[in-house]
């Protein structure tokens, strides 16, 4: 009897020690979760965030492992096979024994349960940080540029561009006034001979005097700047992957990997005869993967 009592006391002490260790592990996970949020919203530090994330996972894992292996008191029991169906008396006895054994155990470890919930919550909140790192949704920013109806054309220095600024078979990079240097708004204004353009009537109407046509400078293959113009063939060449575009036929690609024409910018003249945009590009600018819709 004395030996059994000593074993029971030793087991209880061991369980209390395991409870304290599990509580410490869960507390470490909770504190690491709070620290992770503080570091993230203070500007972030990748290495420290990684350490804190490991502490969250490690603390939660160690605490659960201690609880499962040291506190549940799992043991093997063997009894003789008896009748497979249990009567009402048997079921009542089982429920009574379960309540006596499990109920007090859970009551004694209510703090541990709360710490487990807190550690699990810290892990769940930490998993939300990658979502916050995605930033705001792009909305229509990949489909629209700073060009607006009435925007005057300027060069990279902000100087206004007129019809006389570009000689025949010449070209110049233009931007909307107030947005000189804008990456997605850059366009090539090209002066072609009158009557040479092969555009639909509505597109031709957006070409002043039928001679000054403008296309996006961003290649529709990989986004490189299309800055080479061949006056002899009246074509544009992308230096990155050698895509070529027919200026007279709506800047359609006829060589290279580009599969989409360079979007045209509708142009007009204001009351003072200055070149202005009649709106944004007809199609989204840039690589085809920015916009899956067929033109």
C-alpha atoms as a PDB file:
ATOM      1  CA  UNK A   1       0.000   0.000   0.000  1.00  0.00           C
ATOM      2  CA  UNK A   2       2.832   2.440   0.875  1.00  0.00           C
ATOM      3  CA  UNK A   3       4.534   1.685  -2.451  1.00  0.00           C
ATOM      4  CA  UNK A   4       1.327   2.385  -4.384  1.00  0.00           C
ATOM      5  CA  UNK A   5       0.817   5.675  -2.510  1.00  0.00           C
ATOM      6  CA  UNK A   6       4.388   6.776  -3.263  1.00  0.00           C
ATOM      7  CA  UNK A   7       3.935   5.949  -6.960  1.00  0.00           C
ATOM      8  CA  UNK A   8       0.718   7.940  -7.056  1.00  0.00           C
ATOM      9  CA  UNK A   9       2.373  10.932  -5.385  1.00  0.00           C
ATOM     10  CA  UNK A  10       5.325  10.738  -7.801  1.00  0.00           C
ATOM     11  CA  UNK A  11       2.961  10.635 -10.781  1.00  0.00           C
ATOM     12  CA  UNK A  12       1.049  13.650  -9.494  1.00  0.00           C
ATOM     13  CA  UNK A  13       4.248  15.639  -9.041  1.00  0.00           C
ATOM     14  CA  UNK A  14       5.350  14.671 -12.546  1.00  0.00           C
ATOM     15  CA  UNK A  15       2.028  15.809 -13.966  1.00  0.00           C
ATOM     16  CA  UNK A  16       2.256  19.130 -12.167  1.00  0.00           C
ATOM     17  CA  UNK A  17       5.723  19.621 -13.560  1.00  0.00           C
ATOM     18  CA  UNK A  18       4.428  18.832 -17.057  1.00  0.00           C
ATOM     19  CA  UNK A  19       1.542  21.265 -16.556  1.00  0.00           C
ATOM     20  CA  UNK A  20       3.946  24.044 -15.668  1.00  0.00           C
ATOM     21  CA  UNK A  21       6.167  23.245 -18.639  1.00  0.00           C
ATOM     22  CA  UNK A  22       3.186  23.212 -21.024  1.00  0.00           C
ATOM     23  CA  UNK A  23       1.940  26.506 -19.572  1.00  0.00           C
ATOM     24  CA  UNK A  24       5.372  28.066 -20.102  1.00  0.00           C
ATOM     25  CA  UNK A  25       5.450  26.778 -23.703  1.00  0.00           C
ATOM     26  CA  UNK A  26       2.008  28.203 -24.482  1.00  0.00           C
ATOM     27  CA  UNK A  27       2.946  31.513 -22.817  1.00  0.00           C
ATOM     28  CA  UNK A  28       6.097  31.736 -24.946  1.00  0.00           C
ATOM     29  CA  UNK A  29       3.964  31.184 -28.064  1.00  0.00           C
ATOM     30  CA  UNK A  30       1.545  33.944 -27.029  1.00  0.00           C
ATOM     31  CA  UNK A  31       4.316  36.437 -26.221  1.00  0.00           C
ATOM     32  CA  UNK A  32       6.094  35.609 -29.484  1.00  0.00           C
ATOM     33  CA  UNK A  33       2.853  36.264 -31.372  1.00  0.00           C
ATOM     34  CA  UNK A  34       2.486  39.665 -29.721  1.00  0.00           C
ATOM     35  CA  UNK A  35       6.133  40.413 -30.447  1.00  0.00           C
ATOM     36  CA  UNK A  36       5.698  39.421 -34.082  1.00  0.00           C
ATOM     37  CA  UNK A  37       2.892  41.933 -34.526  1.00  0.00           C
ATOM     38  CA  UNK A  38       4.906  44.667 -32.802  1.00  0.00           C
ATOM     39  CA  UNK A  39       7.918  44.042 -35.047  1.00  0.00           C
ATOM     40  CA  UNK A  40       5.803  43.824 -38.205  1.00  0.00           C
ATOM     41  CA  UNK A  41       3.912  47.075 -37.635  1.00  0.00           C
ATOM     42  CA  UNK A  42       7.097  48.846 -36.500  1.00  0.00           C
ATOM     43  CA  UNK A  43       8.614  48.457 -39.942  1.00  0.00           C
ATOM     44  CA  UNK A  44       9.529  44.786 -39.974  1.00  0.00           C
ATOM     45  CA  UNK A  45      12.793  42.876 -39.633  1.00  0.00           C
ATOM     46  CA  UNK A  46      12.814  39.642 -41.612  1.00  0.00           C
ATOM     47  CA  UNK A  47      15.236  37.646 -39.452  1.00  0.00           C
ATOM     48  CA  UNK A  48      13.558  38.597 -36.180  1.00  0.00           C
ATOM     49  CA  UNK A  49      10.104  37.871 -37.597  1.00  0.00           C
ATOM     50  CA  UNK A  50      11.336  34.400 -38.592  1.00  0.00           C
ATOM     51  CA  UNK A  51      12.633  33.722 -35.066  1.00  0.00           C
ATOM     52  CA  UNK A  52       9.360  34.847 -33.494  1.00  0.00           C
ATOM     53  CA  UNK A  53       7.356  32.709 -35.914  1.00  0.00           C
ATOM     54  CA  UNK A  54       9.489  29.684 -34.935  1.00  0.00           C
ATOM     55  CA  UNK A  55       8.851  30.427 -31.250  1.00  0.00           C
ATOM     56  CA  UNK A  56       5.105  30.480 -31.894  1.00  0.00           C
ATOM     57  CA  UNK A  57       5.150  27.140 -33.677  1.00  0.00           C
ATOM     58  CA  UNK A  58       7.663  25.621 -31.256  1.00  0.00           C
ATOM     59  CA  UNK A  59       5.846  26.767 -28.136  1.00  0.00           C
ATOM     60  CA  UNK A  60       2.517  25.508 -29.405  1.00  0.00           C
ATOM     61  CA  UNK A  61       4.030  22.198 -30.518  1.00  0.00           C
ATOM     62  CA  UNK A  62       5.929  21.587 -27.263  1.00  0.00           C
ATOM     63  CA  UNK A  63       2.897  22.452 -25.160  1.00  0.00           C
ATOM     64  CA  UNK A  64       0.586  20.133 -27.087  1.00  0.00           C
ATOM     65  CA  UNK A  65       3.181  17.332 -26.997  1.00  0.00           C
ATOM     66  CA  UNK A  66       3.595  17.632 -23.205  1.00  0.00           C
ATOM     67  CA  UNK A  67      -0.151  17.642 -22.733  1.00  0.00           C
ATOM     68  CA  UNK A  68      -0.647  14.580 -24.926  1.00  0.00           C
ATOM     69  CA  UNK A  69       2.230  12.516 -23.530  1.00  0.00           C
ATOM     70  CA  UNK A  70       2.337  13.552 -19.879  1.00  0.00           C
ATOM     71  CA  UNK A  71      -1.070  14.831 -18.846  1.00  0.00           C
ATOM     72  CA  UNK A  72      -3.680  12.676 -20.540  1.00  0.00           C
ATOM     73  CA  UNK A  73      -2.627   9.654 -18.515  1.00  0.00           C
ATOM     74  CA  UNK A  74      -3.091   7.200 -21.349  1.00  0.00           C
ATOM     75  CA  UNK A  75      -2.500   3.574 -20.276  1.00  0.00           C
ATOM     76  CA  UNK A  76      -3.231   0.152 -21.621  1.00  0.00           C
ATOM     77  CA  UNK A  77      -5.952  -1.930 -20.042  1.00  0.00           C
ATOM     78  CA  UNK A  78      -6.859  -5.544 -20.796  1.00  0.00           C
ATOM     79  CA  UNK A  79     -10.038  -7.267 -19.790  1.00  0.00           C
ATOM     80  CA  UNK A  80     -11.744 -10.457 -20.706  1.00  0.00           C
ATOM     81  CA  UNK A  81     -14.140 -10.434 -23.640  1.00  0.00           C
ATOM     82  CA  UNK A  82     -17.688 -10.139 -22.456  1.00  0.00           C
ATOM     83  CA  UNK A  83     -21.049  -9.594 -24.036  1.00  0.00           C
ATOM     84  CA  UNK A  84     -20.715  -7.027 -26.823  1.00  0.00           C
ATOM     85  CA  UNK A  85     -23.857  -5.135 -25.889  1.00  0.00           C
ATOM     86  CA  UNK A  86     -23.850  -3.151 -22.691  1.00  0.00           C
ATOM     87  CA  UNK A  87     -26.952  -2.789 -20.682  1.00  0.00           C
ATOM     88  CA  UNK A  88     -28.343   0.342 -19.135  1.00  0.00           C
ATOM     89  CA  UNK A  89     -26.469  -0.328 -15.900  1.00  0.00           C
ATOM     90  CA  UNK A  90     -23.167  -0.680 -17.765  1.00  0.00           C
ATOM     91  CA  UNK A  91     -23.617   2.546 -19.694  1.00  0.00           C
ATOM     92  CA  UNK A  92     -24.547   4.421 -16.526  1.00  0.00           C
ATOM     93  CA  UNK A  93     -21.494   3.107 -14.717  1.00  0.00           C
ATOM     94  CA  UNK A  94     -19.223   4.106 -17.621  1.00  0.00           C
ATOM     95  CA  UNK A  95     -20.625   7.642 -17.792  1.00  0.00           C
ATOM     96  CA  UNK A  96     -20.240   8.025 -14.035  1.00  0.00           C
ATOM     97  CA  UNK A  97     -16.626   6.836 -14.107  1.00  0.00           C
ATOM     98  CA  UNK A  98     -15.801   9.120 -17.059  1.00  0.00           C
ATOM     99  CA  UNK A  99     -17.289  12.125 -15.289  1.00  0.00           C
ATOM    100  CA  UNK A 100     -15.293  11.363 -12.127  1.00  0.00           C
ATOM    101  CA  UNK A 101     -12.013  10.920 -14.015  1.00  0.00           C
ATOM    102  CA  UNK A 102     -12.161  13.528 -16.801  1.00  0.00           C
ATOM    103  CA  UNK A 103     -14.297  16.267 -15.259  1.00  0.00           C
ATOM    104  CA  UNK A 104     -11.988  17.169 -12.384  1.00  0.00           C
ATOM    105  CA  UNK A 105      -8.958  16.889 -14.646  1.00  0.00           C
ATOM    106  CA  UNK A 106     -10.312  19.455 -17.090  1.00  0.00           C
ATOM    107  CA  UNK A 107     -11.436  21.695 -14.256  1.00  0.00           C
ATOM    108  CA  UNK A 108      -7.962  21.642 -12.726  1.00  0.00           C
ATOM    109  CA  UNK A 109      -6.411  22.499 -16.081  1.00  0.00           C
ATOM    110  CA  UNK A 110      -8.766  25.267 -17.161  1.00  0.00           C
ATOM    111  CA  UNK A 111      -5.858  27.734 -17.150  1.00  0.00           C
ATOM    112  CA  UNK A 112      -3.920  25.415 -19.438  1.00  0.00           C
ATOM    113  CA  UNK A 113      -6.898  25.231 -21.802  1.00  0.00           C
ATOM    114  CA  UNK A 114      -7.059  29.034 -21.945  1.00  0.00           C
ATOM    115  CA  UNK A 115      -3.331  29.245 -22.640  1.00  0.00           C
ATOM    116  CA  UNK A 116      -3.714  26.671 -25.410  1.00  0.00           C
ATOM    117  CA  UNK A 117      -6.487  28.773 -26.961  1.00  0.00           C
ATOM    118  CA  UNK A 118      -4.316  31.881 -26.679  1.00  0.00           C
ATOM    119  CA  UNK A 119      -1.340  30.169 -28.329  1.00  0.00           C
ATOM    120  CA  UNK A 120      -3.552  28.883 -31.131  1.00  0.00           C
ATOM    121  CA  UNK A 121      -4.956  32.381 -31.607  1.00  0.00           C
ATOM    122  CA  UNK A 122      -1.433  33.825 -31.774  1.00  0.00           C
ATOM    123  CA  UNK A 123      -0.565  31.335 -34.497  1.00  0.00           C
ATOM    124  CA  UNK A 124      -3.735  32.165 -36.428  1.00  0.00           C
ATOM    125  CA  UNK A 125      -3.048  35.894 -36.264  1.00  0.00           C
ATOM    126  CA  UNK A 126       0.568  35.346 -37.324  1.00  0.00           C
ATOM    127  CA  UNK A 127      -0.645  33.490 -40.399  1.00  0.00           C
ATOM    128  CA  UNK A 128      -2.602  36.619 -41.386  1.00  0.00           C
ATOM    129  CA  UNK A 129       0.565  38.729 -41.719  1.00  0.00           C
ATOM    130  CA  UNK A 130       1.431  37.426 -45.222  1.00  0.00           C
ATOM    131  CA  UNK A 131      -2.041  38.543 -46.324  1.00  0.00           C
ATOM    132  CA  UNK A 132      -1.396  42.041 -44.966  1.00  0.00           C
ATOM    133  CA  UNK A 133       1.920  42.095 -46.834  1.00  0.00           C
ATOM    134  CA  UNK A 134       0.111  41.779 -50.147  1.00  0.00           C
ATOM    135  CA  UNK A 135      -0.812  45.459 -49.948  1.00  0.00           C
ATOM    136  CA  UNK A 136      -3.920  47.052 -51.392  1.00  0.00           C
ATOM    137  CA  UNK A 137      -5.709  45.513 -54.346  1.00  0.00           C
ATOM    138  CA  UNK A 138      -4.552  47.042 -57.639  1.00  0.00           C
ATOM    139  CA  UNK A 139      -8.099  47.807 -58.753  1.00  0.00           C
ATOM    140  CA  UNK A 140      -7.988  49.382 -62.206  1.00  0.00           C
ATOM    141  CA  UNK A 141      -4.482  50.828 -61.841  1.00  0.00           C
ATOM    142  CA  UNK A 142      -3.153  48.280 -64.347  1.00  0.00           C
ATOM    143  CA  UNK A 143      -5.860  49.214 -66.850  1.00  0.00           C
ATOM    144  CA  UNK A 144      -5.666  53.013 -66.635  1.00  0.00           C
ATOM    145  CA  UNK A 145      -2.910  55.600 -67.117  1.00  0.00           C
ATOM    146  CA  UNK A 146      -2.702  59.345 -66.300  1.00  0.00           C
ATOM    147  CA  UNK A 147      -3.944  60.239 -69.789  1.00  0.00           C
ATOM    148  CA  UNK A 148      -7.273  62.054 -69.645  1.00  0.00           C
ATOM    149  CA  UNK A 149      -9.402  63.854 -72.199  1.00  0.00           C
ATOM    150  CA  UNK A 150      -7.816  67.262 -72.734  1.00  0.00           C
ATOM    151  CA  UNK A 151      -4.356  66.311 -71.444  1.00  0.00           C
ATOM    152  CA  UNK A 152      -1.741  68.243 -73.387  1.00  0.00           C
ATOM    153  CA  UNK A 153       1.223  66.372 -74.830  1.00  0.00           C
ATOM    154  CA  UNK A 154       4.632  67.252 -73.355  1.00  0.00           C
ATOM    155  CA  UNK A 155       8.125  65.806 -73.743  1.00  0.00           C
ATOM    156  CA  UNK A 156      10.251  64.369 -70.922  1.00  0.00           C
ATOM    157  CA  UNK A 157      11.271  67.879 -69.853  1.00  0.00           C
ATOM    158  CA  UNK A 158       7.651  69.033 -69.588  1.00  0.00           C
ATOM    159  CA  UNK A 159       7.807  71.186 -72.713  1.00  0.00           C
ATOM    160  CA  UNK A 160       4.642  71.263 -74.796  1.00  0.00           C
ATOM    161  CA  UNK A 161       4.695  69.226 -78.011  1.00  0.00           C
ATOM    162  CA  UNK A 162       3.060  70.584 -81.177  1.00  0.00           C
ATOM    163  CA  UNK A 163       2.538  69.255 -84.695  1.00  0.00           C
ATOM    164  CA  UNK A 164       5.666  71.112 -85.749  1.00  0.00           C
ATOM    165  CA  UNK A 165       7.735  69.426 -83.041  1.00  0.00           C
ATOM    166  CA  UNK A 166       7.971  66.218 -85.070  1.00  0.00           C
ATOM    167  CA  UNK A 167       9.251  66.227 -88.665  1.00  0.00           C
ATOM    168  CA  UNK A 168       7.909  63.721 -91.183  1.00  0.00           C
ATOM    169  CA  UNK A 169       9.130  60.194 -90.400  1.00  0.00           C
ATOM    170  CA  UNK A 170      10.326  61.476 -87.041  1.00  0.00           C
ATOM    171  CA  UNK A 171       9.110  60.515 -83.582  1.00  0.00           C
ATOM    172  CA  UNK A 172       9.243  61.697 -79.981  1.00  0.00           C
ATOM    173  CA  UNK A 173       8.328  60.283 -76.582  1.00  0.00           C
ATOM    174  CA  UNK A 174       5.399  62.175 -75.054  1.00  0.00           C
ATOM    175  CA  UNK A 175       3.622  62.256 -71.692  1.00  0.00           C
ATOM    176  CA  UNK A 176       0.454  63.892 -70.353  1.00  0.00           C
ATOM    177  CA  UNK A 177       1.060  67.376 -68.975  1.00  0.00           C
ATOM    178  CA  UNK A 178       1.834  67.166 -65.277  1.00  0.00           C
ATOM    179  CA  UNK A 179       3.016  63.543 -65.557  1.00  0.00           C
ATOM    180  CA  UNK A 180       6.301  63.857 -67.440  1.00  0.00           C
ATOM    181  CA  UNK A 181       8.335  60.703 -66.910  1.00  0.00           C
ATOM    182  CA  UNK A 182       5.328  58.540 -65.993  1.00  0.00           C
ATOM    183  CA  UNK A 183       6.259  54.924 -66.783  1.00  0.00           C
ATOM    184  CA  UNK A 184       2.831  53.673 -67.860  1.00  0.00           C
ATOM    185  CA  UNK A 185       1.791  56.868 -69.688  1.00  0.00           C
ATOM    186  CA  UNK A 186       4.784  57.152 -72.030  1.00  0.00           C
ATOM    187  CA  UNK A 187       3.813  57.098 -75.700  1.00  0.00           C
ATOM    188  CA  UNK A 188       5.531  57.491 -79.046  1.00  0.00           C
ATOM    189  CA  UNK A 189       4.230  60.299 -81.255  1.00  0.00           C
ATOM    190  CA  UNK A 190       5.126  59.480 -84.860  1.00  0.00           C
ATOM    191  CA  UNK A 191       4.742  61.713 -87.930  1.00  0.00           C
ATOM    192  CA  UNK A 192       3.848  59.571 -90.949  1.00  0.00           C
ATOM    193  CA  UNK A 193       3.017  60.709 -94.495  1.00  0.00           C
ATOM    194  CA  UNK A 194      -0.579  61.759 -95.056  1.00  0.00           C
ATOM    195  CA  UNK A 195      -2.820  58.983 -96.376  1.00  0.00           C
ATOM    196  CA  UNK A 196      -0.449  56.185 -95.377  1.00  0.00           C
ATOM    197  CA  UNK A 197      -2.240  54.956 -92.275  1.00  0.00           C
ATOM    198  CA  UNK A 198      -4.395  51.825 -92.568  1.00  0.00           C
ATOM    199  CA  UNK A 199      -6.679  52.334 -89.589  1.00  0.00           C
ATOM    200  CA  UNK A 200     -10.424  51.905 -89.059  1.00  0.00           C
ATOM    201  CA  UNK A 201     -12.350  55.165 -89.494  1.00  0.00           C
ATOM    202  CA  UNK A 202     -12.894  55.680 -85.753  1.00  0.00           C
ATOM    203  CA  UNK A 203      -9.189  55.200 -85.015  1.00  0.00           C
ATOM    204  CA  UNK A 204      -8.141  57.366 -87.960  1.00  0.00           C
ATOM    205  CA  UNK A 205     -10.367  60.153 -86.644  1.00  0.00           C
ATOM    206  CA  UNK A 206      -8.116  60.260 -83.538  1.00  0.00           C
ATOM    207  CA  UNK A 207      -5.036  61.058 -85.682  1.00  0.00           C
ATOM    208  CA  UNK A 208      -4.641  64.836 -86.228  1.00  0.00           C
ATOM    209  CA  UNK A 209      -4.364  65.643 -89.949  1.00  0.00           C
ATOM    210  CA  UNK A 210      -4.038  61.902 -90.521  1.00  0.00           C
ATOM    211  CA  UNK A 211      -0.297  62.268 -89.919  1.00  0.00           C
ATOM    212  CA  UNK A 212       0.457  62.307 -86.165  1.00  0.00           C
ATOM    213  CA  UNK A 213      -0.293  58.943 -84.570  1.00  0.00           C
ATOM    214  CA  UNK A 214       0.618  57.910 -81.032  1.00  0.00           C
ATOM    215  CA  UNK A 215       1.134  54.427 -79.575  1.00  0.00           C
ATOM    216  CA  UNK A 216       2.117  53.184 -76.129  1.00  0.00           C
ATOM    217  CA  UNK A 217       5.863  52.850 -75.730  1.00  0.00           C
ATOM    218  CA  UNK A 218       5.535  49.769 -73.504  1.00  0.00           C
ATOM    219  CA  UNK A 219       5.985  46.488 -75.356  1.00  0.00           C
ATOM    220  CA  UNK A 220       3.033  44.130 -75.032  1.00  0.00           C
ATOM    221  CA  UNK A 221       5.350  41.147 -74.645  1.00  0.00           C
ATOM    222  CA  UNK A 222       7.474  41.849 -71.551  1.00  0.00           C
ATOM    223  CA  UNK A 223       7.067  45.557 -70.884  1.00  0.00           C
ATOM    224  CA  UNK A 224      10.327  46.792 -72.386  1.00  0.00           C
ATOM    225  CA  UNK A 225      10.400  50.305 -73.909  1.00  0.00           C
ATOM    226  CA  UNK A 226       9.821  50.225 -77.649  1.00  0.00           C
ATOM    227  CA  UNK A 227      12.160  53.051 -78.568  1.00  0.00           C
ATOM    228  CA  UNK A 228      13.493  52.163 -82.016  1.00  0.00           C
ATOM    229  CA  UNK A 229      11.664  53.485 -85.093  1.00  0.00           C
ATOM    230  CA  UNK A 230      12.566  52.429 -88.621  1.00  0.00           C
ATOM    231  CA  UNK A 231      11.433  55.134 -90.977  1.00  0.00           C
ATOM    232  CA  UNK A 232      12.141  53.037 -94.083  1.00  0.00           C
ATOM    233  CA  UNK A 233       9.670  50.318 -93.061  1.00  0.00           C
ATOM    234  CA  UNK A 234       7.663  52.531 -90.694  1.00  0.00           C
ATOM    235  CA  UNK A 235       7.917  49.952 -87.951  1.00  0.00           C
ATOM    236  CA  UNK A 236       8.751  49.985 -84.265  1.00  0.00           C
ATOM    237  CA  UNK A 237      11.313  47.576 -82.809  1.00  0.00           C
ATOM    238  CA  UNK A 238      11.532  46.373 -79.221  1.00  0.00           C
ATOM    239  CA  UNK A 239      15.238  45.888 -78.406  1.00  0.00           C
ATOM    240  CA  UNK A 240      14.620  43.269 -75.684  1.00  0.00           C
ATOM    241  CA  UNK A 241      13.170  40.386 -77.720  1.00  0.00           C
ATOM    242  CA  UNK A 242      13.068  41.845 -81.221  1.00  0.00           C
ATOM    243  CA  UNK A 243       9.297  42.216 -81.507  1.00  0.00           C
ATOM    244  CA  UNK A 244       8.371  44.475 -84.428  1.00  0.00           C
ATOM    245  CA  UNK A 245       5.169  46.485 -84.889  1.00  0.00           C
ATOM    246  CA  UNK A 246       3.647  47.942 -88.039  1.00  0.00           C
ATOM    247  CA  UNK A 247       3.031  51.646 -87.348  1.00  0.00           C
ATOM    248  CA  UNK A 248       0.763  52.127 -90.365  1.00  0.00           C
ATOM    249  CA  UNK A 249      -1.465  49.149 -89.489  1.00  0.00           C
ATOM    250  CA  UNK A 250      -2.376  49.941 -85.907  1.00  0.00           C
ATOM    251  CA  UNK A 251       1.041  48.906 -84.485  1.00  0.00           C
ATOM    252  CA  UNK A 252       0.186  45.246 -84.977  1.00  0.00           C
ATOM    253  CA  UNK A 253       3.091  42.852 -84.296  1.00  0.00           C
ATOM    254  CA  UNK A 254       4.467  41.103 -87.378  1.00  0.00           C
ATOM    255  CA  UNK A 255       7.651  39.625 -85.939  1.00  0.00           C
ATOM    256  CA  UNK A 256       8.826  38.405 -82.548  1.00  0.00           C
ATOM    257  CA  UNK A 257       7.045  37.091 -79.444  1.00  0.00           C
ATOM    258  CA  UNK A 258       4.618  39.986 -78.914  1.00  0.00           C
ATOM    259  CA  UNK A 259       1.048  38.907 -79.629  1.00  0.00           C
ATOM    260  CA  UNK A 260      -0.857  42.149 -79.058  1.00  0.00           C
ATOM    261  CA  UNK A 261      -0.696  45.514 -80.875  1.00  0.00           C
ATOM    262  CA  UNK A 262       0.675  48.541 -79.087  1.00  0.00           C
ATOM    263  CA  UNK A 263      -2.372  50.439 -77.742  1.00  0.00           C
ATOM    264  CA  UNK A 264      -3.165  53.611 -79.639  1.00  0.00           C
ATOM    265  CA  UNK A 265      -3.601  56.954 -77.881  1.00  0.00           C
ATOM    266  CA  UNK A 266      -6.451  59.043 -79.354  1.00  0.00           C
ATOM    267  CA  UNK A 267      -5.278  62.552 -80.209  1.00  0.00           C
ATOM    268  CA  UNK A 268      -6.842  65.838 -81.195  1.00  0.00           C
ATOM    269  CA  UNK A 269      -6.220  69.582 -81.267  1.00  0.00           C
ATOM    270  CA  UNK A 270      -7.529  72.176 -78.823  1.00  0.00           C
ATOM    271  CA  UNK A 271      -8.717  75.693 -79.711  1.00  0.00           C
ATOM    272  CA  UNK A 272      -5.129  76.940 -79.725  1.00  0.00           C
ATOM    273  CA  UNK A 273      -4.010  74.145 -82.047  1.00  0.00           C
ATOM    274  CA  UNK A 274      -2.091  72.315 -79.308  1.00  0.00           C
ATOM    275  CA  UNK A 275      -1.929  68.517 -79.350  1.00  0.00           C
ATOM    276  CA  UNK A 276      -4.167  66.976 -76.696  1.00  0.00           C
ATOM    277  CA  UNK A 277      -5.355  63.506 -75.779  1.00  0.00           C
ATOM    278  CA  UNK A 278      -8.989  62.619 -76.372  1.00  0.00           C
ATOM    279  CA  UNK A 279      -8.856  60.058 -73.589  1.00  0.00           C
ATOM    280  CA  UNK A 280      -6.767  57.171 -72.310  1.00  0.00           C
ATOM    281  CA  UNK A 281      -5.263  54.456 -74.530  1.00  0.00           C
ATOM    282  CA  UNK A 282      -7.876  52.356 -76.298  1.00  0.00           C
ATOM    283  CA  UNK A 283      -6.582  49.177 -74.585  1.00  0.00           C
ATOM    284  CA  UNK A 284      -4.606  48.482 -71.385  1.00  0.00           C
ATOM    285  CA  UNK A 285      -0.901  49.093 -71.849  1.00  0.00           C
ATOM    286  CA  UNK A 286       1.951  46.720 -71.150  1.00  0.00           C
ATOM    287  CA  UNK A 287       2.401  42.933 -71.286  1.00  0.00           C
ATOM    288  CA  UNK A 288      -0.527  40.775 -72.250  1.00  0.00           C
ATOM    289  CA  UNK A 289      -0.652  39.128 -68.816  1.00  0.00           C
ATOM    290  CA  UNK A 290      -1.765  42.452 -67.325  1.00  0.00           C
ATOM    291  CA  UNK A 291      -5.068  41.998 -69.084  1.00  0.00           C
ATOM    292  CA  UNK A 292      -6.461  38.664 -70.212  1.00  0.00           C
ATOM    293  CA  UNK A 293      -9.292  40.053 -72.292  1.00  0.00           C
ATOM    294  CA  UNK A 294      -8.913  39.877 -76.046  1.00  0.00           C
ATOM    295  CA  UNK A 295      -8.706  43.264 -77.755  1.00  0.00           C
END
